[in-house]
Amino acid sequence: MTKLRQKLLAESNMQRFQDMNWQKIKLLYIAGSGRSGSTLIEKILGSVDGISAMGEVSFIWERGFKQNLLCGCGKSFLECHIWNEIRQNAFSNGDKIDINYLSEETRFIEQSRYLPLLLLKTKLRWHKGKIALCQRHFLKIYLGASKTYKSKVLIDSSKRTHGHILKDMPEIKLYVLHLVRDARATAYSWNREKIYQKDKGKVVYFPRYSSIFASFLWCFDNLAAELLGICSKRYMRVRYEDLVLHPKNIAQKILGFVEEPELPLPQFEGSRLRLKLQHSVSGNPLRFKQGEMMIKHDSDWQKSNSMKTKFLVGLITWPFLIRYGYL
């Protein structure tokens, strides 16, 4: 283990953030399964004055610092002036960070199989140290963003198990927004070839999953979101299908949920609205969209999915489909 890694672990076991002048951060965390419309809802809410969308912060070490993929503004992560300012505010004391180590540790503790450990009040010593390390550095990112944006609410759309790392942090006031979508639609989306980004002639694709794997992943992710809601006590569930039909009403309800009902919504004309430029790390290509947009229901899966695939996905996911009103 390098001296830097030893130092990082030692810091994590000390009284945390004792040298930081922090205040409680209001964080809207989008939980649930991938391909459920989290980028869409983040774009809508991120266009509200007083709310800032950060994207999938869980991937910031890997896709931001290491791979230098595109920010939502269209520039690479390391060239984006907003993320440069966030980094300067987050690590203003000349902190040296081992990006490879943080990326490995984050990926390790956010594995699905370790969710039971994240739920335990009395954690194993080795696991507790890893969590404290990640919490310390993620908090620096949130503090840096809070100082840069000066917004009332930050949005993190990481989904999966990342929220379970945040739920016990006293510095964060966590609001869990559980976004759900029909499992047959998400399984169809994961099975298609989809471009993550295009940059200078280089095309990066999302991973593709089989319908069976995507179905089990959907069940796990939604279970993890519900458990996070129980732990955090501030929980709201929204269906993607309701969002695309009534975007303004859903957005207003979410503002009430985060205790900011007075914030002005972007101007809607039915399902049409104007989106602000946002600096989000990682996520669906929709994050690059700005200006006027029409919100439409993506129902391709209903026509293109075979009856056999629909039946198989429904068979695996039926308890949750019933719970969320899809059967």
C-alpha atoms as a PDB file:
ATOM      1  CA  MET A   1       0.000   0.000   0.000  1.00  0.00           C
ATOM      2  CA  THR A   2       1.392   3.412  -0.985  1.00  0.00           C
ATOM      3  CA  LYS A   3       1.994   6.138   1.607  1.00  0.00           C
ATOM      4  CA  LEU A   4      -0.787   8.186   0.016  1.00  0.00           C
ATOM      5  CA  ARG A   5      -3.263   5.327   0.411  1.00  0.00           C
ATOM      6  CA  GLN A   6      -2.199   4.835   4.020  1.00  0.00           C
ATOM      7  CA  LYS A   7      -2.762   8.543   4.617  1.00  0.00           C
ATOM      8  CA  LEU A   8      -6.220   8.431   3.014  1.00  0.00           C
ATOM      9  CA  LEU A   9      -7.299   5.524   5.192  1.00  0.00           C
ATOM     10  CA  ALA A  10      -5.868   7.144   8.321  1.00  0.00           C
ATOM     11  CA  GLU A  11      -7.766  10.364   7.604  1.00  0.00           C
ATOM     12  CA  SER A  12     -10.983   8.402   7.174  1.00  0.00           C
ATOM     13  CA  ASN A  13     -10.717   6.949  10.676  1.00  0.00           C
ATOM     14  CA  MET A  14     -10.108  10.355  12.303  1.00  0.00           C
ATOM     15  CA  GLN A  15     -12.852  12.703  13.388  1.00  0.00           C
ATOM     16  CA  ARG A  16     -14.305  13.471   9.984  1.00  0.00           C
ATOM     17  CA  PHE A  17     -14.243  16.874   8.332  1.00  0.00           C
ATOM     18  CA  GLN A  18     -13.139  18.604  11.511  1.00  0.00           C
ATOM     19  CA  ASP A  19     -11.201  21.164   9.456  1.00  0.00           C
ATOM     20  CA  MET A  20     -14.112  21.952   7.129  1.00  0.00           C
ATOM     21  CA  ASN A  21     -16.471  24.847   7.421  1.00  0.00           C
ATOM     22  CA  TRP A  22     -19.504  22.945   6.110  1.00  0.00           C
ATOM     23  CA  GLN A  23     -23.216  23.391   6.338  1.00  0.00           C
ATOM     24  CA  LYS A  24     -25.888  20.783   5.736  1.00  0.00           C
ATOM     25  CA  ILE A  25     -26.314  20.127   2.005  1.00  0.00           C
ATOM     26  CA  LYS A  26     -29.778  19.512   0.611  1.00  0.00           C
ATOM     27  CA  LEU A  27     -29.304  16.648  -1.870  1.00  0.00           C
ATOM     28  CA  LEU A  28     -32.018  15.187  -4.087  1.00  0.00           C
ATOM     29  CA  TYR A  29     -30.855  11.678  -4.865  1.00  0.00           C
ATOM     30  CA  ILE A  30     -32.465   9.879  -7.820  1.00  0.00           C
ATOM     31  CA  ALA A  31     -32.666   6.179  -7.004  1.00  0.00           C
ATOM     32  CA  GLY A  32     -33.864   3.212  -9.023  1.00  0.00           C
ATOM     33  CA  SER A  33     -32.754   1.304 -12.092  1.00  0.00           C
ATOM     34  CA  GLY A  34     -30.869   2.546 -15.131  1.00  0.00           C
ATOM     35  CA  ARG A  35     -32.818   3.407 -18.304  1.00  0.00           C
ATOM     36  CA  SER A  36     -35.773   4.617 -16.234  1.00  0.00           C
ATOM     37  CA  GLY A  37     -35.691   8.274 -17.270  1.00  0.00           C
ATOM     38  CA  SER A  38     -33.427   9.708 -14.557  1.00  0.00           C
ATOM     39  CA  THR A  39     -31.628  11.992 -17.036  1.00  0.00           C
ATOM     40  CA  LEU A  40     -34.972  13.399 -18.205  1.00  0.00           C
ATOM     41  CA  ILE A  41     -36.181  14.235 -14.708  1.00  0.00           C
ATOM     42  CA  GLU A  42     -32.768  15.649 -13.832  1.00  0.00           C
ATOM     43  CA  LYS A  43     -32.861  17.896 -16.923  1.00  0.00           C
ATOM     44  CA  ILE A  44     -36.321  19.180 -15.974  1.00  0.00           C
ATOM     45  CA  LEU A  45     -35.447  19.875 -12.336  1.00  0.00           C
ATOM     46  CA  GLY A  46     -31.981  21.173 -13.211  1.00  0.00           C
ATOM     47  CA  SER A  47     -33.668  23.876 -15.305  1.00  0.00           C
ATOM     48  CA  VAL A  48     -35.237  25.301 -12.133  1.00  0.00           C
ATOM     49  CA  ASP A  49     -33.430  28.356 -10.750  1.00  0.00           C
ATOM     50  CA  GLY A  50     -32.022  27.330  -7.380  1.00  0.00           C
ATOM     51  CA  ILE A  51     -31.458  23.659  -8.310  1.00  0.00           C
ATOM     52  CA  SER A  52     -28.245  22.313  -9.860  1.00  0.00           C
ATOM     53  CA  ALA A  53     -27.861  18.923 -11.537  1.00  0.00           C
ATOM     54  CA  MET A  54     -24.535  17.138 -11.054  1.00  0.00           C
ATOM     55  CA  GLY A  55     -25.244  13.935 -12.966  1.00  0.00           C
ATOM     56  CA  GLU A  56     -24.109  10.504 -11.735  1.00  0.00           C
ATOM     57  CA  VAL A  57     -21.589  11.531  -9.092  1.00  0.00           C
ATOM     58  CA  SER A  58     -20.835   7.902  -8.258  1.00  0.00           C
ATOM     59  CA  PHE A  59     -18.864   7.676 -11.523  1.00  0.00           C
ATOM     60  CA  ILE A  60     -16.916  10.915 -11.113  1.00  0.00           C
ATOM     61  CA  TRP A  61     -13.575   9.235 -10.321  1.00  0.00           C
ATOM     62  CA  GLU A  62     -13.800   6.742 -13.191  1.00  0.00           C
ATOM     63  CA  ARG A  63     -15.599   8.591 -16.001  1.00  0.00           C
ATOM     64  CA  GLY A  64     -14.625  12.107 -14.967  1.00  0.00           C
ATOM     65  CA  PHE A  65     -11.092  12.207 -13.555  1.00  0.00           C
ATOM     66  CA  LYS A  66      -9.718   9.027 -15.198  1.00  0.00           C
ATOM     67  CA  GLN A  67     -11.454   8.732 -18.566  1.00  0.00           C
ATOM     68  CA  ASN A  68     -12.119  12.471 -18.972  1.00  0.00           C
ATOM     69  CA  LEU A  69     -15.444  11.853 -20.726  1.00  0.00           C
ATOM     70  CA  LEU A  70     -17.744  14.681 -21.751  1.00  0.00           C
ATOM     71  CA  CYS A  71     -19.562  16.938 -19.319  1.00  0.00           C
ATOM     72  CA  GLY A  72     -23.171  17.817 -20.069  1.00  0.00           C
ATOM     73  CA  CYS A  73     -21.945  21.143 -21.475  1.00  0.00           C
ATOM     74  CA  GLY A  74     -20.176  19.302 -24.299  1.00  0.00           C
ATOM     75  CA  LYS A  75     -16.599  19.892 -23.091  1.00  0.00           C
ATOM     76  CA  SER A  76     -14.461  17.167 -21.580  1.00  0.00           C
ATOM     77  CA  PHE A  77     -14.682  16.860 -17.795  1.00  0.00           C
ATOM     78  CA  LEU A  78     -11.196  18.248 -17.167  1.00  0.00           C
ATOM     79  CA  GLU A  79     -11.777  21.175 -19.544  1.00  0.00           C
ATOM     80  CA  CYS A  80     -15.180  22.203 -18.126  1.00  0.00           C
ATOM     81  CA  HIS A  81     -14.808  25.502 -16.246  1.00  0.00           C
ATOM     82  CA  ILE A  82     -17.569  24.612 -13.766  1.00  0.00           C
ATOM     83  CA  TRP A  83     -15.990  21.286 -12.812  1.00  0.00           C
ATOM     84  CA  ASN A  84     -12.601  22.995 -12.596  1.00  0.00           C
ATOM     85  CA  GLU A  85     -14.070  25.424 -10.081  1.00  0.00           C
ATOM     86  CA  ILE A  86     -15.770  22.587  -8.175  1.00  0.00           C
ATOM     87  CA  ARG A  87     -12.460  20.710  -7.996  1.00  0.00           C
ATOM     88  CA  GLN A  88     -10.641  23.805  -6.757  1.00  0.00           C
ATOM     89  CA  ASN A  89     -13.283  24.394  -4.081  1.00  0.00           C
ATOM     90  CA  ALA A  90     -13.339  20.710  -3.116  1.00  0.00           C
ATOM     91  CA  PHE A  91      -9.583  20.265  -2.831  1.00  0.00           C
ATOM     92  CA  SER A  92      -8.517  23.822  -2.088  1.00  0.00           C
ATOM     93  CA  ASN A  93      -6.034  22.807   0.618  1.00  0.00           C
ATOM     94  CA  GLY A  94      -3.726  21.160  -1.883  1.00  0.00           C
ATOM     95  CA  ASP A  95      -5.089  17.708  -1.090  1.00  0.00           C
ATOM     96  CA  LYS A  96      -3.481  14.973  -3.128  1.00  0.00           C
ATOM     97  CA  ILE A  97      -5.979  12.357  -4.210  1.00  0.00           C
ATOM     98  CA  ASP A  98      -5.293   8.909  -5.588  1.00  0.00           C
ATOM     99  CA  ILE A  99      -7.940   8.723  -8.318  1.00  0.00           C
ATOM    100  CA  ASN A 100      -7.238   5.083  -9.181  1.00  0.00           C
ATOM    101  CA  TYR A 101      -7.597   4.083  -5.551  1.00  0.00           C
ATOM    102  CA  LEU A 102     -10.813   6.066  -5.033  1.00  0.00           C
ATOM    103  CA  SER A 103     -12.257   4.590  -8.232  1.00  0.00           C
ATOM    104  CA  GLU A 104     -11.415   1.049  -7.106  1.00  0.00           C
ATOM    105  CA  GLU A 105     -12.768   1.543  -3.590  1.00  0.00           C
ATOM    106  CA  THR A 106     -16.007   3.138  -4.808  1.00  0.00           C
ATOM    107  CA  ARG A 107     -16.585   0.358  -7.318  1.00  0.00           C
ATOM    108  CA  PHE A 108     -15.842  -2.209  -4.602  1.00  0.00           C
ATOM    109  CA  ILE A 109     -18.219  -0.993  -1.890  1.00  0.00           C
ATOM    110  CA  GLU A 110     -21.017  -0.204  -4.363  1.00  0.00           C
ATOM    111  CA  GLN A 111     -21.168  -3.778  -5.644  1.00  0.00           C
ATOM    112  CA  SER A 112     -24.622  -5.296  -5.353  1.00  0.00           C
ATOM    113  CA  ARG A 113     -23.426  -8.128  -3.108  1.00  0.00           C
ATOM    114  CA  TYR A 114     -22.331  -5.647  -0.422  1.00  0.00           C
ATOM    115  CA  LEU A 115     -25.741  -4.001  -0.027  1.00  0.00           C
ATOM    116  CA  PRO A 116     -26.443  -6.026   3.167  1.00  0.00           C
ATOM    117  CA  LEU A 117     -23.237  -4.591   4.686  1.00  0.00           C
ATOM    118  CA  LEU A 118     -24.329  -1.061   3.743  1.00  0.00           C
ATOM    119  CA  LEU A 119     -27.600  -1.670   5.601  1.00  0.00           C
ATOM    120  CA  LEU A 120     -25.939  -2.871   8.825  1.00  0.00           C
ATOM    121  CA  LYS A 121     -25.677  -0.377  11.688  1.00  0.00           C
ATOM    122  CA  THR A 122     -22.639  -2.189  13.104  1.00  0.00           C
ATOM    123  CA  LYS A 123     -20.345  -2.576  10.106  1.00  0.00           C
ATOM    124  CA  LEU A 124     -17.257  -4.726   9.738  1.00  0.00           C
ATOM    125  CA  ARG A 125     -14.109  -2.750  10.489  1.00  0.00           C
ATOM    126  CA  TRP A 126     -12.546  -3.121   7.033  1.00  0.00           C
ATOM    127  CA  HIS A 127     -15.803  -2.179   5.314  1.00  0.00           C
ATOM    128  CA  LYS A 128     -16.437   0.751   7.639  1.00  0.00           C
ATOM    129  CA  GLY A 129     -13.021   2.200   6.774  1.00  0.00           C
ATOM    130  CA  LYS A 130     -13.697   1.982   3.050  1.00  0.00           C
ATOM    131  CA  ILE A 131     -17.086   3.662   3.429  1.00  0.00           C
ATOM    132  CA  ALA A 132     -15.609   6.490   5.526  1.00  0.00           C
ATOM    133  CA  LEU A 133     -12.930   7.048   2.897  1.00  0.00           C
ATOM    134  CA  CYS A 134     -15.472   7.332   0.086  1.00  0.00           C
ATOM    135  CA  GLN A 135     -17.834   9.476   2.169  1.00  0.00           C
ATOM    136  CA  ARG A 136     -15.058  11.937   2.931  1.00  0.00           C
ATOM    137  CA  HIS A 137     -14.159  12.492  -0.704  1.00  0.00           C
ATOM    138  CA  PHE A 138     -17.703  12.499  -2.062  1.00  0.00           C
ATOM    139  CA  LEU A 139     -18.591  15.100   0.559  1.00  0.00           C
ATOM    140  CA  LYS A 140     -15.741  17.273  -0.697  1.00  0.00           C
ATOM    141  CA  ILE A 141     -17.251  17.091  -4.198  1.00  0.00           C
ATOM    142  CA  TYR A 142     -20.722  18.041  -2.892  1.00  0.00           C
ATOM    143  CA  LEU A 143     -19.246  20.877  -0.813  1.00  0.00           C
ATOM    144  CA  GLY A 144     -17.293  22.110  -3.829  1.00  0.00           C
ATOM    145  CA  ALA A 145     -20.458  22.038  -5.965  1.00  0.00           C
ATOM    146  CA  SER A 146     -22.481  23.781  -3.259  1.00  0.00           C
ATOM    147  CA  LYS A 147     -19.892  26.561  -3.059  1.00  0.00           C
ATOM    148  CA  THR A 148     -19.709  26.872  -6.863  1.00  0.00           C
ATOM    149  CA  TYR A 149     -23.434  26.819  -7.630  1.00  0.00           C
ATOM    150  CA  LYS A 150     -24.765  28.443  -4.429  1.00  0.00           C
ATOM    151  CA  SER A 151     -27.991  26.509  -5.116  1.00  0.00           C
ATOM    152  CA  LYS A 152     -30.610  25.464  -2.610  1.00  0.00           C
ATOM    153  CA  VAL A 153     -30.676  21.870  -3.896  1.00  0.00           C
ATOM    154  CA  LEU A 154     -28.128  19.644  -5.619  1.00  0.00           C
ATOM    155  CA  ILE A 155     -29.188  16.626  -7.702  1.00  0.00           C
ATOM    156  CA  ASP A 156     -27.255  13.351  -7.849  1.00  0.00           C
ATOM    157  CA  SER A 157     -28.710  10.796 -10.291  1.00  0.00           C
ATOM    158  CA  SER A 158     -26.295   7.947  -9.513  1.00  0.00           C
ATOM    159  CA  LYS A 159     -28.999   5.321  -8.727  1.00  0.00           C
ATOM    160  CA  ARG A 160     -27.945   1.764  -7.759  1.00  0.00           C
ATOM    161  CA  THR A 161     -26.425   1.487  -4.245  1.00  0.00           C
ATOM    162  CA  HIS A 162     -24.541   4.804  -4.105  1.00  0.00           C
ATOM    163  CA  GLY A 163     -27.268   6.412  -1.999  1.00  0.00           C
ATOM    164  CA  HIS A 164     -26.631   3.928   0.812  1.00  0.00           C
ATOM    165  CA  ILE A 165     -23.186   5.493   1.251  1.00  0.00           C
ATOM    166  CA  LEU A 166     -24.762   8.926   1.649  1.00  0.00           C
ATOM    167  CA  LYS A 167     -27.655   8.073   3.968  1.00  0.00           C
ATOM    168  CA  ASP A 168     -25.597   8.089   7.186  1.00  0.00           C
ATOM    169  CA  MET A 169     -23.704  11.313   6.475  1.00  0.00           C
ATOM    170  CA  PRO A 170     -24.784  14.024   8.952  1.00  0.00           C
ATOM    171  CA  GLU A 171     -23.542  16.722   6.583  1.00  0.00           C
ATOM    172  CA  ILE A 172     -26.183  15.833   3.964  1.00  0.00           C
ATOM    173  CA  LYS A 173     -29.944  16.201   4.107  1.00  0.00           C
ATOM    174  CA  LEU A 174     -30.928  13.402   1.764  1.00  0.00           C
ATOM    175  CA  TYR A 175     -34.159  13.287  -0.238  1.00  0.00           C
ATOM    176  CA  VAL A 176     -34.683   9.996  -2.069  1.00  0.00           C
ATOM    177  CA  LEU A 177     -36.599  10.281  -5.338  1.00  0.00           C
ATOM    178  CA  HIS A 178     -37.340   6.735  -6.467  1.00  0.00           C
ATOM    179  CA  LEU A 179     -37.960   6.741 -10.223  1.00  0.00           C
ATOM    180  CA  VAL A 180     -39.536   3.572 -11.628  1.00  0.00           C
ATOM    181  CA  ARG A 181     -40.315   2.447 -15.151  1.00  0.00           C
ATOM    182  CA  ASP A 182     -41.899  -0.687 -16.577  1.00  0.00           C
ATOM    183  CA  ALA A 183     -39.284  -3.466 -16.410  1.00  0.00           C
ATOM    184  CA  ARG A 184     -40.134  -4.571 -19.950  1.00  0.00           C
ATOM    185  CA  ALA A 185     -39.187  -1.115 -21.227  1.00  0.00           C
ATOM    186  CA  THR A 186     -35.864  -0.970 -19.362  1.00  0.00           C
ATOM    187  CA  ALA A 187     -34.929  -4.530 -20.397  1.00  0.00           C
ATOM    188  CA  TYR A 188     -35.586  -3.607 -24.027  1.00  0.00           C
ATOM    189  CA  SER A 189     -33.452  -0.475 -23.666  1.00  0.00           C
ATOM    190  CA  TRP A 190     -30.514  -2.368 -22.123  1.00  0.00           C
ATOM    191  CA  ASN A 191     -30.642  -4.904 -24.946  1.00  0.00           C
ATOM    192  CA  ARG A 192     -30.235  -2.266 -27.673  1.00  0.00           C
ATOM    193  CA  GLU A 193     -26.987  -0.743 -28.911  1.00  0.00           C
ATOM    194  CA  LYS A 194     -26.878   2.790 -27.543  1.00  0.00           C
ATOM    195  CA  ILE A 195     -24.263   5.524 -27.918  1.00  0.00           C
ATOM    196  CA  TYR A 196     -22.942   7.041 -24.684  1.00  0.00           C
ATOM    197  CA  GLN A 197     -21.108   9.906 -26.370  1.00  0.00           C
ATOM    198  CA  LYS A 198     -19.400  11.004 -29.589  1.00  0.00           C
ATOM    199  CA  ASP A 199     -16.247  13.074 -29.292  1.00  0.00           C
ATOM    200  CA  LYS A 200     -13.702  13.898 -31.988  1.00  0.00           C
ATOM    201  CA  GLY A 201     -14.722  10.944 -34.110  1.00  0.00           C
ATOM    202  CA  LYS A 202     -14.544   8.508 -31.197  1.00  0.00           C
ATOM    203  CA  VAL A 203     -17.778   6.751 -30.285  1.00  0.00           C
ATOM    204  CA  VAL A 204     -18.344   5.287 -26.796  1.00  0.00           C
ATOM    205  CA  TYR A 205     -21.215   2.836 -26.300  1.00  0.00           C
ATOM    206  CA  PHE A 206     -23.198   1.814 -23.236  1.00  0.00           C
ATOM    207  CA  PRO A 207     -22.856  -1.820 -22.121  1.00  0.00           C
ATOM    208  CA  ARG A 208     -25.584  -4.159 -23.349  1.00  0.00           C
ATOM    209  CA  TYR A 209     -27.401  -6.646 -21.108  1.00  0.00           C
ATOM    210  CA  SER A 210     -29.585  -9.620 -21.897  1.00  0.00           C
ATOM    211  CA  SER A 211     -33.276  -9.362 -21.027  1.00  0.00           C
ATOM    212  CA  ILE A 212     -32.856 -11.886 -18.203  1.00  0.00           C
ATOM    213  CA  PHE A 213     -29.902 -10.079 -16.610  1.00  0.00           C
ATOM    214  CA  ALA A 214     -31.600  -6.688 -17.039  1.00  0.00           C
ATOM    215  CA  SER A 215     -34.730  -8.053 -15.326  1.00  0.00           C
ATOM    216  CA  PHE A 216     -32.865  -9.228 -12.236  1.00  0.00           C
ATOM    217  CA  LEU A 217     -30.884  -5.967 -12.177  1.00  0.00           C
ATOM    218  CA  TRP A 218     -34.157  -4.003 -12.320  1.00  0.00           C
ATOM    219  CA  CYS A 219     -35.553  -5.943  -9.350  1.00  0.00           C
ATOM    220  CA  PHE A 220     -32.399  -5.430  -7.291  1.00  0.00           C
ATOM    221  CA  ASP A 221     -32.092  -1.728  -8.062  1.00  0.00           C
ATOM    222  CA  ASN A 222     -35.694  -0.998  -7.134  1.00  0.00           C
ATOM    223  CA  LEU A 223     -35.412  -3.039  -3.950  1.00  0.00           C
ATOM    224  CA  ALA A 224     -32.255  -1.086  -3.057  1.00  0.00           C
ATOM    225  CA  ALA A 225     -34.146   2.175  -3.688  1.00  0.00           C
ATOM    226  CA  GLU A 226     -37.027   1.169  -1.411  1.00  0.00           C
ATOM    227  CA  LEU A 227     -34.624   0.121   1.358  1.00  0.00           C
ATOM    228  CA  LEU A 228     -32.830   3.454   0.988  1.00  0.00           C
ATOM    229  CA  GLY A 229     -36.178   5.220   1.359  1.00  0.00           C
ATOM    230  CA  ILE A 230     -36.844   3.356   4.603  1.00  0.00           C
ATOM    231  CA  CYS A 231     -33.403   4.281   5.962  1.00  0.00           C
ATOM    232  CA  SER A 232     -33.471   7.942   4.923  1.00  0.00           C
ATOM    233  CA  LYS A 233     -37.136   8.629   5.888  1.00  0.00           C
ATOM    234  CA  ARG A 234     -37.524  11.223   3.104  1.00  0.00           C
ATOM    235  CA  TYR A 235     -38.789   9.201   0.177  1.00  0.00           C
ATOM    236  CA  MET A 236     -40.960   9.829  -2.871  1.00  0.00           C
ATOM    237  CA  ARG A 237     -41.754   7.445  -5.729  1.00  0.00           C
ATOM    238  CA  VAL A 238     -42.500   8.641  -9.267  1.00  0.00           C
ATOM    239  CA  ARG A 239     -43.341   6.583 -12.341  1.00  0.00           C
ATOM    240  CA  TYR A 240     -41.656   7.513 -15.610  1.00  0.00           C
ATOM    241  CA  GLU A 241     -44.939   7.008 -17.432  1.00  0.00           C
ATOM    242  CA  ASP A 242     -46.642   9.608 -15.195  1.00  0.00           C
ATOM    243  CA  LEU A 243     -43.710  12.000 -15.606  1.00  0.00           C
ATOM    244  CA  VAL A 244     -43.933  12.106 -19.413  1.00  0.00           C
ATOM    245  CA  LEU A 245     -47.729  12.571 -19.299  1.00  0.00           C
ATOM    246  CA  HIS A 246     -47.762  15.286 -16.608  1.00  0.00           C
ATOM    247  CA  PRO A 247     -44.215  16.733 -16.388  1.00  0.00           C
ATOM    248  CA  LYS A 248     -45.218  20.064 -14.852  1.00  0.00           C
ATOM    249  CA  ASN A 249     -47.406  18.537 -12.128  1.00  0.00           C
ATOM    250  CA  ILE A 250     -44.760  15.948 -11.218  1.00  0.00           C
ATOM    251  CA  ALA A 251     -42.017  18.603 -11.119  1.00  0.00           C
ATOM    252  CA  GLN A 252     -44.134  20.772  -8.806  1.00  0.00           C
ATOM    253  CA  LYS A 253     -44.733  17.823  -6.468  1.00  0.00           C
ATOM    254  CA  ILE A 254     -40.995  17.158  -6.321  1.00  0.00           C
ATOM    255  CA  LEU A 255     -40.322  20.791  -5.390  1.00  0.00           C
ATOM    256  CA  GLY A 256     -42.772  20.356  -2.523  1.00  0.00           C
ATOM    257  CA  PHE A 257     -41.026  17.130  -1.548  1.00  0.00           C
ATOM    258  CA  VAL A 258     -37.636  18.891  -1.224  1.00  0.00           C
ATOM    259  CA  GLU A 259     -39.332  21.700   0.743  1.00  0.00           C
ATOM    260  CA  GLU A 260     -38.752  24.322  -1.951  1.00  0.00           C
ATOM    261  CA  PRO A 261     -42.269  24.809  -3.404  1.00  0.00           C
ATOM    262  CA  GLU A 262     -41.652  28.509  -4.086  1.00  0.00           C
ATOM    263  CA  LEU A 263     -38.904  27.878  -6.659  1.00  0.00           C
ATOM    264  CA  PRO A 264     -40.156  28.845 -10.147  1.00  0.00           C
ATOM    265  CA  LEU A 265     -40.550  26.015 -12.636  1.00  0.00           C
ATOM    266  CA  PRO A 266     -39.272  26.438 -16.196  1.00  0.00           C
ATOM    267  CA  GLN A 267     -42.007  27.599 -18.548  1.00  0.00           C
ATOM    268  CA  PHE A 268     -44.074  24.674 -19.831  1.00  0.00           C
ATOM    269  CA  GLU A 269     -46.309  24.665 -22.881  1.00  0.00           C
ATOM    270  CA  GLY A 270     -48.046  21.345 -22.439  1.00  0.00           C
ATOM    271  CA  SER A 271     -45.195  18.845 -22.721  1.00  0.00           C
ATOM    272  CA  ARG A 272     -42.797  21.364 -24.253  1.00  0.00           C
ATOM    273  CA  LEU A 273     -40.228  23.264 -22.197  1.00  0.00           C
ATOM    274  CA  ARG A 274     -36.896  25.024 -22.458  1.00  0.00           C
ATOM    275  CA  LEU A 275     -33.914  23.278 -20.867  1.00  0.00           C
ATOM    276  CA  LYS A 276     -30.917  25.047 -19.355  1.00  0.00           C
ATOM    277  CA  LEU A 277     -27.317  24.096 -20.054  1.00  0.00           C
ATOM    278  CA  GLN A 278     -26.214  21.725 -17.281  1.00  0.00           C
ATOM    279  CA  HIS A 279     -22.823  20.438 -16.176  1.00  0.00           C
ATOM    280  CA  SER A 280     -23.613  16.807 -15.418  1.00  0.00           C
ATOM    281  CA  VAL A 281     -21.037  14.057 -15.188  1.00  0.00           C
ATOM    282  CA  SER A 282     -22.050  10.731 -16.778  1.00  0.00           C
ATOM    283  CA  GLY A 283     -25.585   9.757 -17.800  1.00  0.00           C
ATOM    284  CA  ASN A 284     -27.814   9.390 -20.846  1.00  0.00           C
ATOM    285  CA  PRO A 285     -26.948  11.436 -24.016  1.00  0.00           C
ATOM    286  CA  LEU A 286     -30.047  13.530 -23.250  1.00  0.00           C
ATOM    287  CA  ARG A 287     -27.827  15.410 -20.780  1.00  0.00           C
ATOM    288  CA  PHE A 288     -26.259  17.260 -23.740  1.00  0.00           C
ATOM    289  CA  LYS A 289     -29.664  18.623 -24.753  1.00  0.00           C
ATOM    290  CA  GLN A 290     -30.401  22.301 -24.196  1.00  0.00           C
ATOM    291  CA  GLY A 291     -33.001  24.710 -25.475  1.00  0.00           C
ATOM    292  CA  GLU A 292     -36.549  23.746 -26.423  1.00  0.00           C
ATOM    293  CA  MET A 293     -37.577  20.104 -26.046  1.00  0.00           C
ATOM    294  CA  MET A 294     -40.798  18.129 -26.373  1.00  0.00           C
ATOM    295  CA  ILE A 295     -41.261  15.430 -23.738  1.00  0.00           C
ATOM    296  CA  LYS A 296     -42.547  12.274 -25.404  1.00  0.00           C
ATOM    297  CA  HIS A 297     -43.352   8.819 -24.127  1.00  0.00           C
ATOM    298  CA  ASP A 298     -40.871   6.251 -25.441  1.00  0.00           C
ATOM    299  CA  SER A 299     -43.063   3.248 -26.224  1.00  0.00           C
ATOM    300  CA  ASP A 300     -40.893   1.478 -28.838  1.00  0.00           C
ATOM    301  CA  TRP A 301     -40.542  -1.528 -26.553  1.00  0.00           C
ATOM    302  CA  GLN A 302     -44.249  -2.297 -26.846  1.00  0.00           C
ATOM    303  CA  LYS A 303     -43.965  -2.754 -30.622  1.00  0.00           C
ATOM    304  CA  SER A 304     -40.433  -4.100 -30.952  1.00  0.00           C
ATOM    305  CA  ASN A 305     -40.217  -6.517 -28.014  1.00  0.00           C
ATOM    306  CA  SER A 306     -41.316 -10.053 -28.840  1.00  0.00           C
ATOM    307  CA  MET A 307     -44.166 -11.593 -26.840  1.00  0.00           C
ATOM    308  CA  LYS A 308     -41.718 -14.195 -25.547  1.00  0.00           C
ATOM    309  CA  THR A 309     -39.364 -11.500 -24.178  1.00  0.00           C
ATOM    310  CA  LYS A 310     -42.209  -9.536 -22.610  1.00  0.00           C
ATOM    311  CA  PHE A 311     -43.507 -12.696 -20.952  1.00  0.00           C
ATOM    312  CA  LEU A 312     -40.052 -13.706 -19.670  1.00  0.00           C
ATOM    313  CA  VAL A 313     -39.311 -10.255 -18.222  1.00  0.00           C
ATOM    314  CA  GLY A 314     -42.781 -10.080 -16.701  1.00  0.00           C
ATOM    315  CA  LEU A 315     -42.336 -13.523 -15.142  1.00  0.00           C
ATOM    316  CA  ILE A 316     -39.115 -12.468 -13.401  1.00  0.00           C
ATOM    317  CA  THR A 317     -40.300  -9.029 -12.277  1.00  0.00           C
ATOM    318  CA  TRP A 318     -44.035  -9.548 -11.628  1.00  0.00           C
ATOM    319  CA  PRO A 319     -44.038  -8.804  -7.852  1.00  0.00           C
ATOM    320  CA  PHE A 320     -42.612  -5.328  -8.479  1.00  0.00           C
ATOM    321  CA  LEU A 321     -44.730  -4.796 -11.598  1.00  0.00           C
ATOM    322  CA  ILE A 322     -47.825  -5.346  -9.464  1.00  0.00           C
ATOM    323  CA  ARG A 323     -46.466  -3.115  -6.682  1.00  0.00           C
ATOM    324  CA  TYR A 324     -45.819  -0.250  -9.109  1.00  0.00           C
ATOM    325  CA  GLY A 325     -49.097  -0.646 -10.967  1.00  0.00           C
ATOM    326  CA  TYR A 326     -47.852  -2.112 -14.250  1.00  0.00           C
ATOM    327  CA  LEU A 327     -49.976  -5.282 -14.270  1.00  0.00           C
END
